[in-house]
Amino acid sequence: MRNILLAATAAIIAASLAACDSQGPVEQAAAKRDVATAGGVVTLNGTVEFPAEKDRAVLLALRVDGVRSVVNNLVVIRGS
């Protein structure tokens, strides 16, 4: 049951990030993210185009029930 909840939490966060992307298909291909969860800690890895997307990812993750903290390893690859 615990593994199912962890997978569901990761899926919810990943879906939230994808739904909030305001990018076109080319830019979406450049933004690659991985979401992992363990014990209420979400770890975000990958790339985003702008610093605001990196910040937004943390806020979205923290909105998910059961998430206590977020490790944000996302790297901004273009914008400033």
Protein backbone atom coordinates (compact mmCIF):
# COMPACT_ATOMS: atom_id res chain seq x y z
CA MET A 1 0.00 0.00 0.00
CA ARG A 2 2.83 2.41 0.87
CA ASN A 3 4.46 1.93 -2.55
CA ILE A 4 1.15 2.68 -4.23
CA LEU A 5 0.81 5.93 -2.25
CA LEU A 6 4.38 6.96 -3.12
CA ALA A 7 3.78 6.25 -6.80
CA ALA A 8 0.49 8.13 -6.71
CA THR A 9 2.12 11.14 -5.04
CA ALA A 10 4.86 11.23 -7.68
CA ALA A 11 2.28 10.88 -10.46
CA ILE A 12 0.15 13.72 -9.06
CA ILE A 13 3.15 16.04 -8.88
CA ALA A 14 4.37 15.10 -12.36
CA ALA A 15 0.90 15.64 -13.80
CA SER A 16 0.59 19.00 -12.05
CA LEU A 17 3.91 20.13 -13.48
CA ALA A 18 2.95 19.03 -16.97
CA ALA A 19 -0.46 20.71 -16.74
CA CYS A 20 1.10 24.02 -15.73
CA ASP A 21 3.59 24.11 -18.60
CA SER A 22 2.80 27.05 -20.82
CA GLN A 23 5.41 25.98 -23.33
CA GLY A 24 5.05 24.75 -26.87
CA PRO A 25 6.08 21.25 -28.01
CA VAL A 26 9.69 22.22 -28.75
CA GLU A 27 10.26 23.80 -25.36
CA GLN A 28 8.50 20.94 -23.58
CA ALA A 29 10.99 18.52 -25.10
CA ALA A 30 13.82 20.51 -23.50
CA ALA A 31 12.19 20.45 -20.06
CA LYS A 32 12.75 16.98 -18.62
CA ARG A 33 11.78 16.25 -15.04
CA ASP A 34 11.81 13.29 -12.73
CA VAL A 35 9.80 13.15 -9.51
CA ALA A 36 10.68 10.73 -6.70
CA THR A 37 9.06 10.40 -3.29
CA ALA A 38 10.17 8.77 -0.06
CA GLY A 39 8.79 9.28 3.44
CA GLY A 40 7.02 12.53 2.61
CA VAL A 41 10.09 13.98 0.89
CA VAL A 42 9.78 14.78 -2.81
CA THR A 43 12.93 14.99 -4.91
CA LEU A 44 12.75 16.89 -8.19
CA ASN A 45 15.45 16.23 -10.81
CA GLY A 46 15.82 17.39 -14.37
CA THR A 47 15.72 20.62 -16.32
CA VAL A 48 13.38 23.57 -16.73
CA GLU A 49 13.54 26.62 -19.00
CA PHE A 50 13.04 29.40 -16.44
CA PRO A 51 13.71 30.01 -12.73
CA ALA A 52 9.98 30.59 -12.14
CA GLU A 53 9.28 27.02 -13.29
CA LYS A 54 11.78 25.70 -10.74
CA ASP A 55 10.05 27.66 -7.97
CA ARG A 56 6.57 26.65 -9.18
CA ALA A 57 7.55 22.97 -9.08
CA VAL A 58 8.29 23.23 -5.35
CA LEU A 59 5.00 24.98 -4.65
CA LEU A 60 3.05 22.36 -6.59
CA ALA A 61 4.79 19.52 -4.78
CA LEU A 62 4.08 21.07 -1.38
CA ARG A 63 0.36 21.25 -2.20
CA VAL A 64 0.12 17.47 -2.41
CA ASP A 65 -1.24 15.84 0.73
CA GLY A 66 1.47 14.05 2.70
CA VAL A 67 4.43 15.97 1.26
CA ARG A 68 6.56 17.37 4.10
CA SER A 69 9.53 18.75 2.17
CA VAL A 70 10.97 19.10 -1.31
CA VAL A 71 14.53 18.64 -2.53
CA ASN A 72 14.74 20.75 -5.67
CA ASN A 73 17.56 19.57 -7.95
CA LEU A 74 16.00 21.12 -11.06
CA VAL A 75 18.46 22.97 -13.29
CA VAL A 76 17.50 26.06 -15.30
CA ILE A 77 18.81 25.63 -18.85
CA ARG A 78 17.84 28.91 -20.58
CA GLY A 79 16.03 31.81 -18.94
CA SER A 80 17.17 34.17 -16.29
